[in-house]
Amino acid sequence: MTTIAELENRFAGVVCWWGRYTYEWWAIVPGGTRWTIVNAEEPDSLLHEILKAWKRR
């Protein structure tokens, strides 16, 4: 199982947080002048969303 700390360490500049009202994990992925916000129900799924956003940078 992936932890949020692992995600933030693996991807430089990515910030993750728990949405207390949405009950989902969120991350902001830097990409030059255009940043992307992604979300998922669990950290492992968030990893996949971050990877997709990371490739589009």
C-alpha atoms as a PDB file:
ATOM      1  CA  MET A   1       0.000   0.000   0.000  1.00  0.00           C
ATOM      2  CA  THR A   2       1.289   3.428  -0.965  1.00  0.00           C
ATOM      3  CA  THR A   3       1.524   6.148   1.683  1.00  0.00           C
ATOM      4  CA  ILE A   4       1.065   9.844   1.098  1.00  0.00           C
ATOM      5  CA  ALA A   5       4.588  10.516   2.393  1.00  0.00           C
ATOM      6  CA  GLU A   6       5.959   8.125  -0.232  1.00  0.00           C
ATOM      7  CA  LEU A   7       4.077   9.954  -2.974  1.00  0.00           C
ATOM      8  CA  GLU A   8       5.383  13.342  -1.890  1.00  0.00           C
ATOM      9  CA  ASN A   9       8.944  11.953  -1.692  1.00  0.00           C
ATOM     10  CA  ARG A  10       8.726  10.190  -5.059  1.00  0.00           C
ATOM     11  CA  PHE A  11       7.385  13.166  -7.020  1.00  0.00           C
ATOM     12  CA  ALA A  12       9.211  16.440  -6.435  1.00  0.00           C
ATOM     13  CA  GLY A  13       6.860  19.330  -5.770  1.00  0.00           C
ATOM     14  CA  VAL A  14       3.688  17.218  -5.435  1.00  0.00           C
ATOM     15  CA  VAL A  15       1.549  18.094  -2.418  1.00  0.00           C
ATOM     16  CA  CYS A  16      -1.100  15.635  -1.176  1.00  0.00           C
ATOM     17  CA  TRP A  17      -3.944  16.043   1.294  1.00  0.00           C
ATOM     18  CA  TRP A  18      -7.134  14.445   2.586  1.00  0.00           C
ATOM     19  CA  GLY A  19     -10.363  16.223   1.657  1.00  0.00           C
ATOM     20  CA  ARG A  20     -12.390  16.306   4.837  1.00  0.00           C
ATOM     21  CA  TYR A  21     -15.614  17.120   2.987  1.00  0.00           C
ATOM     22  CA  THR A  22     -15.017  15.058  -0.156  1.00  0.00           C
ATOM     23  CA  TYR A  23     -13.572  12.039   1.698  1.00  0.00           C
ATOM     24  CA  GLU A  24     -10.969  11.618  -1.040  1.00  0.00           C
ATOM     25  CA  TRP A  25      -7.223  12.049  -1.398  1.00  0.00           C
ATOM     26  CA  TRP A  26      -6.071  15.013  -3.478  1.00  0.00           C
ATOM     27  CA  ALA A  27      -2.756  16.044  -5.010  1.00  0.00           C
ATOM     28  CA  ILE A  28      -1.494  19.049  -6.901  1.00  0.00           C
ATOM     29  CA  VAL A  29       1.054  18.160  -9.585  1.00  0.00           C
ATOM     30  CA  PRO A  30       3.394  20.941 -10.736  1.00  0.00           C
ATOM     31  CA  GLY A  31       3.944  21.377 -14.436  1.00  0.00           C
ATOM     32  CA  GLY A  32       5.664  24.623 -15.345  1.00  0.00           C
ATOM     33  CA  THR A  33       2.997  27.308 -15.580  1.00  0.00           C
ATOM     34  CA  ARG A  34       0.149  24.784 -15.591  1.00  0.00           C
ATOM     35  CA  TRP A  35      -0.457  22.719 -12.468  1.00  0.00           C
ATOM     36  CA  THR A  36      -2.914  19.846 -12.285  1.00  0.00           C
ATOM     37  CA  ILE A  37      -5.154  18.802  -9.393  1.00  0.00           C
ATOM     38  CA  VAL A  38      -6.065  15.117  -9.193  1.00  0.00           C
ATOM     39  CA  ASN A  39      -8.058  13.064  -6.710  1.00  0.00           C
ATOM     40  CA  ALA A  40      -8.789   9.446  -5.791  1.00  0.00           C
ATOM     41  CA  GLU A  41     -10.478   7.397  -3.105  1.00  0.00           C
ATOM     42  CA  GLU A  42      -7.266   5.808  -1.814  1.00  0.00           C
ATOM     43  CA  PRO A  43      -3.514   6.493  -1.960  1.00  0.00           C
ATOM     44  CA  ASP A  44      -2.793   3.653  -4.428  1.00  0.00           C
ATOM     45  CA  SER A  45      -5.328   5.106  -6.865  1.00  0.00           C
ATOM     46  CA  LEU A  46      -3.914   8.575  -6.269  1.00  0.00           C
ATOM     47  CA  LEU A  47      -0.521   7.237  -7.368  1.00  0.00           C
ATOM     48  CA  HIS A  48      -1.998   6.299 -10.754  1.00  0.00           C
ATOM     49  CA  GLU A  49      -3.645   9.713 -11.137  1.00  0.00           C
ATOM     50  CA  ILE A  50      -0.384  11.469 -10.269  1.00  0.00           C
ATOM     51  CA  LEU A  51       1.487   9.341 -12.820  1.00  0.00           C
ATOM     52  CA  LYS A  52      -0.995  10.276 -15.548  1.00  0.00           C
ATOM     53  CA  ALA A  53      -0.701  13.983 -14.702  1.00  0.00           C
ATOM     54  CA  TRP A  54       3.117  13.699 -14.398  1.00  0.00           C
ATOM     55  CA  LYS A  55       3.379  12.326 -17.958  1.00  0.00           C
ATOM     56  CA  ARG A  56       1.305  15.213 -19.382  1.00  0.00           C
ATOM     57  CA  ARG A  57       3.570  17.913 -17.918  1.00  0.00           C
END
